[in-house]
Amino acid sequence: QVQLVESGGGLVQAGGSLSVSCAASGLTISRYTMGWFRQAPGKEREFVAALYWNGGTTSYADSVKGRFTISRDNAKNTVFLQMSRLKPEDTAVYYCAAQGLYSSASVTNIRNYKTWGQGTQVSVSS
């Protein structure tokens, strides 16, 4: 059974840092393009960051570029999103997602992701 489980969310003050994790089972993350999305109350789910399956290319939304870093640990089969200089507008539920096997489809298109985690809440206070 394919499963993505996020963890590490929480409450942090503006300007602080937080890291969220996505542990995968039933798939090998080094063979999948992995993405992070977020959804704030009353808003649509939006792209945050992605790491292509070949491991050499990352992509970030303009709103988080320079503040967030996506990475993976193949041995732990886990994807990470390190967030720094957090802002109140970063408050959202953060979701991890995987495209299809060896897919390199557009990472910003939510429809290109086949498997989703349940999400983890990140709250940034002002």
N, C-alpha and C. Protein backbone atom coordinates (compact mmCIF):
# COMPACT_ATOMS: atom_id res chain seq x y z
N GLN A 1 0.85 -1.19 0.00
CA GLN A 1 0.00 0.00 0.00
C GLN A 1 0.88 1.25 0.00
N VAL A 2 0.61 2.14 -0.95
CA VAL A 2 1.39 3.37 -1.05
C VAL A 2 0.85 4.38 -0.05
N GLN A 3 1.78 4.97 0.71
CA GLN A 3 1.36 5.91 1.74
C GLN A 3 2.41 6.99 1.93
N LEU A 4 1.94 8.23 2.11
CA LEU A 4 2.81 9.35 2.45
C LEU A 4 2.31 9.91 3.77
N VAL A 5 3.21 10.07 4.72
CA VAL A 5 2.83 10.55 6.05
C VAL A 5 3.68 11.76 6.42
N GLU A 6 3.01 12.90 6.54
CA GLU A 6 3.71 14.12 6.92
C GLU A 6 3.79 14.24 8.44
N SER A 7 4.81 14.92 8.88
CA SER A 7 4.98 15.21 10.31
C SER A 7 5.85 16.44 10.47
N GLY A 8 5.86 16.98 11.68
CA GLY A 8 6.75 18.08 11.98
C GLY A 8 6.11 19.45 11.98
N GLY A 9 4.83 19.52 11.67
CA GLY A 9 4.17 20.82 11.70
C GLY A 9 4.06 21.34 13.12
N GLY A 10 3.65 22.59 13.24
CA GLY A 10 3.50 23.17 14.56
C GLY A 10 3.32 24.67 14.49
N LEU A 11 3.48 25.30 15.65
CA LEU A 11 3.32 26.75 15.76
C LEU A 11 4.69 27.39 15.94
N VAL A 12 4.95 28.43 15.17
CA VAL A 12 6.23 29.12 15.24
C VAL A 12 5.98 30.61 15.08
N GLN A 13 6.87 31.40 15.66
CA GLN A 13 6.75 32.84 15.51
C GLN A 13 7.28 33.29 14.16
N ALA A 14 6.78 34.40 13.69
CA ALA A 14 7.27 34.97 12.44
C ALA A 14 8.78 35.19 12.53
N GLY A 15 9.45 34.84 11.44
CA GLY A 15 10.90 34.94 11.41
C GLY A 15 11.60 33.67 11.83
N GLY A 16 10.85 32.73 12.38
CA GLY A 16 11.41 31.48 12.86
C GLY A 16 11.54 30.45 11.75
N SER A 17 11.95 29.25 12.17
CA SER A 17 12.18 28.15 11.23
C SER A 17 11.44 26.91 11.68
N LEU A 18 11.14 26.06 10.71
CA LEU A 18 10.45 24.81 10.99
C LEU A 18 10.76 23.85 9.84
N SER A 19 10.80 22.57 10.16
CA SER A 19 11.02 21.58 9.12
C SER A 19 9.91 20.55 9.19
N VAL A 20 9.34 20.21 8.05
CA VAL A 20 8.32 19.18 7.97
C VAL A 20 8.88 18.02 7.15
N SER A 21 8.40 16.83 7.47
CA SER A 21 8.90 15.62 6.83
C SER A 21 7.76 14.85 6.17
N CYS A 22 8.12 14.04 5.20
CA CYS A 22 7.16 13.19 4.50
C CYS A 22 7.78 11.81 4.35
N ALA A 23 7.31 10.88 5.16
CA ALA A 23 7.82 9.51 5.11
C ALA A 23 6.98 8.69 4.14
N ALA A 24 7.66 8.06 3.19
CA ALA A 24 6.95 7.29 2.17
C ALA A 24 7.06 5.80 2.43
N SER A 25 5.99 5.10 2.12
CA SER A 25 6.00 3.64 2.16
C SER A 25 5.26 3.14 0.93
N GLY A 26 5.71 2.02 0.41
CA GLY A 26 5.08 1.47 -0.79
C GLY A 26 5.59 2.06 -2.07
N LEU A 27 6.48 3.04 -1.98
CA LEU A 27 7.15 3.59 -3.17
C LEU A 27 8.54 4.06 -2.75
N THR A 28 9.44 4.07 -3.72
CA THR A 28 10.82 4.50 -3.49
C THR A 28 10.96 5.92 -4.00
N ILE A 29 11.17 6.87 -3.09
CA ILE A 29 11.10 8.29 -3.47
C ILE A 29 12.12 8.68 -4.52
N SER A 30 13.21 7.96 -4.63
CA SER A 30 14.22 8.31 -5.63
C SER A 30 13.73 8.05 -7.05
N ARG A 31 12.59 7.39 -7.17
CA ARG A 31 12.01 7.10 -8.49
C ARG A 31 10.80 7.99 -8.79
N TYR A 32 10.50 8.91 -7.88
CA TYR A 32 9.30 9.73 -8.01
C TYR A 32 9.63 11.21 -7.83
N THR A 33 9.06 12.03 -8.68
CA THR A 33 9.09 13.46 -8.45
C THR A 33 8.16 13.77 -7.29
N MET A 34 8.70 14.42 -6.26
CA MET A 34 7.95 14.70 -5.04
C MET A 34 7.70 16.19 -4.90
N GLY A 35 6.53 16.52 -4.42
CA GLY A 35 6.18 17.92 -4.27
C GLY A 35 5.58 18.22 -2.91
N TRP A 36 5.68 19.48 -2.54
CA TRP A 36 4.99 20.00 -1.36
C TRP A 36 3.98 21.05 -1.83
N PHE A 37 2.78 20.94 -1.31
CA PHE A 37 1.73 21.92 -1.57
C PHE A 37 1.22 22.40 -0.22
N ARG A 38 0.48 23.50 -0.24
CA ARG A 38 -0.12 23.98 1.00
C ARG A 38 -1.50 24.56 0.70
N GLN A 39 -2.32 24.53 1.73
CA GLN A 39 -3.67 25.06 1.59
C GLN A 39 -4.05 25.82 2.85
N ALA A 40 -4.29 27.10 2.67
CA ALA A 40 -4.73 27.96 3.76
C ALA A 40 -6.26 27.96 3.79
N PRO A 41 -6.84 28.29 4.93
CA PRO A 41 -8.31 28.31 5.03
C PRO A 41 -8.93 29.21 3.99
N GLY A 42 -9.91 28.68 3.28
CA GLY A 42 -10.62 29.47 2.29
C GLY A 42 -9.88 29.66 0.98
N LYS A 43 -8.72 29.04 0.86
CA LYS A 43 -7.93 29.19 -0.37
C LYS A 43 -7.71 27.85 -1.04
N GLU A 44 -7.34 27.91 -2.31
CA GLU A 44 -7.04 26.69 -3.04
C GLU A 44 -5.66 26.15 -2.65
N ARG A 45 -5.50 24.88 -2.86
CA ARG A 45 -4.20 24.26 -2.61
C ARG A 45 -3.19 24.80 -3.63
N GLU A 46 -2.01 25.18 -3.15
CA GLU A 46 -1.03 25.79 -4.04
C GLU A 46 0.32 25.10 -3.94
N PHE A 47 1.03 25.16 -5.03
CA PHE A 47 2.37 24.57 -5.12
C PHE A 47 3.35 25.34 -4.24
N VAL A 48 4.23 24.59 -3.58
CA VAL A 48 5.27 25.20 -2.75
C VAL A 48 6.66 24.86 -3.28
N ALA A 49 6.94 23.57 -3.43
CA ALA A 49 8.28 23.15 -3.85
C ALA A 49 8.21 21.74 -4.41
N ALA A 50 9.19 21.39 -5.22
CA ALA A 50 9.26 20.04 -5.77
C ALA A 50 10.70 19.63 -6.00
N LEU A 51 10.91 18.34 -5.97
CA LEU A 51 12.22 17.75 -6.22
C LEU A 51 12.02 16.66 -7.26
N TYR A 52 12.65 16.83 -8.41
CA TYR A 52 12.50 15.85 -9.48
C TYR A 52 13.13 14.52 -9.08
N TRP A 53 12.62 13.44 -9.66
CA TRP A 53 13.04 12.10 -9.24
C TRP A 53 14.53 11.89 -9.44
N ASN A 54 15.16 12.55 -10.43
CA ASN A 54 16.58 12.36 -10.65
C ASN A 54 17.43 13.04 -9.58
N GLY A 55 16.76 13.79 -8.72
CA GLY A 55 17.45 14.38 -7.58
C GLY A 55 18.26 15.63 -7.87
N GLY A 56 18.36 15.99 -9.15
CA GLY A 56 19.23 17.10 -9.48
C GLY A 56 18.54 18.43 -9.65
N THR A 57 17.23 18.42 -9.70
CA THR A 57 16.49 19.65 -10.00
C THR A 57 15.40 19.89 -8.97
N THR A 58 15.35 21.13 -8.52
CA THR A 58 14.29 21.55 -7.61
C THR A 58 13.53 22.71 -8.22
N SER A 59 12.35 22.93 -7.70
CA SER A 59 11.52 24.03 -8.16
C SER A 59 10.79 24.61 -6.96
N TYR A 60 10.65 25.94 -6.94
CA TYR A 60 10.00 26.60 -5.81
C TYR A 60 9.01 27.65 -6.30
N ALA A 61 7.97 27.83 -5.52
CA ALA A 61 7.07 28.95 -5.77
C ALA A 61 7.82 30.23 -5.46
N ASP A 62 7.49 31.30 -6.16
CA ASP A 62 8.17 32.58 -5.94
C ASP A 62 8.04 33.04 -4.50
N SER A 63 6.91 32.73 -3.90
CA SER A 63 6.64 33.21 -2.55
C SER A 63 7.54 32.58 -1.48
N VAL A 64 8.17 31.45 -1.81
CA VAL A 64 9.01 30.77 -0.81
C VAL A 64 10.47 30.67 -1.24
N LYS A 65 10.76 31.09 -2.45
CA LYS A 65 12.12 30.98 -2.98
C LYS A 65 13.10 31.74 -2.09
N GLY A 66 14.18 31.06 -1.74
CA GLY A 66 15.18 31.67 -0.88
C GLY A 66 14.92 31.46 0.60
N ARG A 67 13.73 30.98 0.94
CA ARG A 67 13.38 30.74 2.34
C ARG A 67 13.15 29.26 2.64
N PHE A 68 12.65 28.53 1.64
CA PHE A 68 12.33 27.11 1.82
C PHE A 68 13.31 26.27 1.02
N THR A 69 13.59 25.07 1.53
CA THR A 69 14.46 24.13 0.84
C THR A 69 13.86 22.74 0.89
N ILE A 70 13.72 22.12 -0.28
CA ILE A 70 13.24 20.74 -0.35
C ILE A 70 14.43 19.82 -0.52
N SER A 71 14.39 18.69 0.16
CA SER A 71 15.48 17.72 0.06
C SER A 71 14.92 16.33 0.35
N ARG A 72 15.75 15.35 0.19
CA ARG A 72 15.30 13.99 0.48
C ARG A 72 16.45 13.17 1.05
N ASP A 73 16.08 12.15 1.79
CA ASP A 73 17.03 11.17 2.31
C ASP A 73 16.59 9.82 1.77
N ASN A 74 17.29 9.34 0.78
CA ASN A 74 16.88 8.09 0.13
C ASN A 74 16.92 6.91 1.09
N ALA A 75 17.88 6.90 1.98
CA ALA A 75 18.01 5.80 2.93
C ALA A 75 16.80 5.72 3.86
N LYS A 76 16.27 6.89 4.21
CA LYS A 76 15.08 6.94 5.08
C LYS A 76 13.79 6.99 4.27
N ASN A 77 13.92 7.09 2.94
CA ASN A 77 12.75 7.20 2.07
C ASN A 77 11.84 8.33 2.52
N THR A 78 12.47 9.47 2.81
CA THR A 78 11.76 10.62 3.39
C THR A 78 12.14 11.90 2.65
N VAL A 79 11.13 12.73 2.45
CA VAL A 79 11.32 14.04 1.83
C VAL A 79 11.12 15.10 2.91
N PHE A 80 11.92 16.15 2.84
CA PHE A 80 11.89 17.21 3.84
C PHE A 80 11.58 18.55 3.19
N LEU A 81 10.98 19.41 3.97
CA LEU A 81 10.81 20.81 3.57
C LEU A 81 11.28 21.65 4.75
N GLN A 82 12.43 22.28 4.56
CA GLN A 82 12.97 23.16 5.59
C GLN A 82 12.50 24.57 5.30
N MET A 83 11.88 25.19 6.29
CA MET A 83 11.29 26.51 6.13
C MET A 83 11.96 27.48 7.09
N SER A 84 12.41 28.59 6.55
CA SER A 84 13.03 29.61 7.39
C SER A 84 12.41 30.96 7.09
N ARG A 85 12.70 31.91 7.95
CA ARG A 85 12.14 33.27 7.82
C ARG A 85 10.64 33.19 7.56
N LEU A 86 9.97 32.40 8.35
CA LEU A 86 8.55 32.17 8.15
C LEU A 86 7.74 33.44 8.37
N LYS A 87 6.65 33.53 7.62
CA LYS A 87 5.76 34.67 7.67
C LYS A 87 4.36 34.18 8.04
N PRO A 88 3.53 35.05 8.59
CA PRO A 88 2.16 34.63 8.91
C PRO A 88 1.42 34.08 7.69
N GLU A 89 1.73 34.59 6.52
CA GLU A 89 1.06 34.12 5.31
C GLU A 89 1.51 32.72 4.89
N ASP A 90 2.49 32.16 5.57
CA ASP A 90 2.89 30.77 5.32
C ASP A 90 2.00 29.79 6.09
N THR A 91 1.13 30.31 6.92
CA THR A 91 0.22 29.46 7.69
C THR A 91 -0.70 28.68 6.76
N ALA A 92 -0.69 27.36 6.90
CA ALA A 92 -1.48 26.49 6.03
C ALA A 92 -1.29 25.04 6.46
N VAL A 93 -2.10 24.18 5.87
CA VAL A 93 -1.84 22.74 5.97
C VAL A 93 -0.90 22.39 4.82
N TYR A 94 0.19 21.75 5.15
CA TYR A 94 1.19 21.38 4.16
C TYR A 94 1.04 19.91 3.78
N TYR A 95 0.98 19.67 2.47
CA TYR A 95 0.78 18.33 1.95
C TYR A 95 1.98 17.89 1.12
N CYS A 96 2.32 16.64 1.27
CA CYS A 96 3.34 16.00 0.46
C CYS A 96 2.64 15.20 -0.64
N ALA A 97 3.24 15.15 -1.82
CA ALA A 97 2.60 14.43 -2.92
C ALA A 97 3.65 13.82 -3.83
N ALA A 98 3.27 12.76 -4.52
CA ALA A 98 4.17 12.07 -5.44
C ALA A 98 3.53 11.96 -6.82
N GLN A 99 4.32 12.21 -7.86
CA GLN A 99 3.84 11.97 -9.21
C GLN A 99 3.93 10.47 -9.51
N GLY A 100 3.66 10.11 -10.74
CA GLY A 100 3.80 8.72 -11.15
C GLY A 100 5.26 8.32 -11.29
N LEU A 101 5.49 7.03 -11.40
CA LEU A 101 6.84 6.48 -11.49
C LEU A 101 7.63 7.13 -12.62
N TYR A 102 8.77 7.70 -12.29
CA TYR A 102 9.69 8.36 -13.22
C TYR A 102 9.04 9.50 -14.01
N SER A 103 8.00 10.05 -13.47
CA SER A 103 7.34 11.18 -14.12
C SER A 103 8.11 12.47 -13.87
N SER A 104 8.15 13.30 -14.90
CA SER A 104 8.74 14.65 -14.79
C SER A 104 7.77 15.67 -15.34
N ALA A 105 6.50 15.42 -15.09
CA ALA A 105 5.47 16.36 -15.56
C ALA A 105 5.57 17.66 -14.79
N SER A 106 4.87 18.65 -15.28
CA SER A 106 4.90 19.96 -14.63
C SER A 106 4.66 19.84 -13.13
N VAL A 107 5.58 20.33 -12.34
CA VAL A 107 5.49 20.14 -10.89
C VAL A 107 4.50 21.08 -10.24
N THR A 108 4.13 22.14 -10.94
CA THR A 108 3.21 23.09 -10.34
C THR A 108 1.75 22.71 -10.55
N ASN A 109 1.52 21.73 -11.43
CA ASN A 109 0.16 21.30 -11.73
C ASN A 109 -0.27 20.21 -10.75
N ILE A 110 -1.24 20.53 -9.93
CA ILE A 110 -1.67 19.61 -8.89
C ILE A 110 -2.18 18.29 -9.47
N ARG A 111 -2.68 18.32 -10.68
CA ARG A 111 -3.24 17.12 -11.31
C ARG A 111 -2.18 16.10 -11.69
N ASN A 112 -0.94 16.50 -11.69
CA ASN A 112 0.14 15.57 -12.05
C ASN A 112 0.60 14.71 -10.88
N TYR A 113 0.00 14.89 -9.75
CA TYR A 113 0.38 14.12 -8.56
C TYR A 113 -0.65 13.04 -8.28
N LYS A 114 -0.17 11.84 -8.06
CA LYS A 114 -1.05 10.68 -7.94
C LYS A 114 -1.31 10.28 -6.48
N THR A 115 -0.37 10.55 -5.63
CA THR A 115 -0.47 10.11 -4.24
C THR A 115 -0.27 11.30 -3.32
N TRP A 116 -1.11 11.38 -2.29
CA TRP A 116 -1.08 12.51 -1.38
C TRP A 116 -1.03 12.04 0.07
N GLY A 117 -0.38 12.85 0.90
CA GLY A 117 -0.42 12.61 2.33
C GLY A 117 -1.63 13.29 2.94
N GLN A 118 -1.75 13.13 4.25
CA GLN A 118 -2.92 13.68 4.94
C GLN A 118 -2.73 15.12 5.36
N GLY A 119 -1.50 15.60 5.30
CA GLY A 119 -1.22 17.00 5.62
C GLY A 119 -0.77 17.21 7.05
N THR A 120 -0.04 18.29 7.26
CA THR A 120 0.39 18.69 8.60
C THR A 120 0.24 20.21 8.72
N GLN A 121 -0.27 20.65 9.86
CA GLN A 121 -0.56 22.07 10.05
C GLN A 121 0.69 22.85 10.42
N VAL A 122 0.91 23.94 9.73
CA VAL A 122 1.97 24.89 10.07
C VAL A 122 1.31 26.23 10.34
N SER A 123 1.56 26.76 11.52
CA SER A 123 0.96 28.04 11.90
C SER A 123 2.08 29.00 12.29
N VAL A 124 2.02 30.19 11.74
CA VAL A 124 3.04 31.20 12.00
C VAL A 124 2.35 32.41 12.64
N SER A 125 2.76 32.73 13.83
CA SER A 125 2.16 33.86 14.55
C SER A 125 2.96 35.13 14.30
N SER A 126 2.24 36.24 14.31
CA SER A 126 2.90 37.53 14.03
C SER A 126 3.42 38.17 15.30
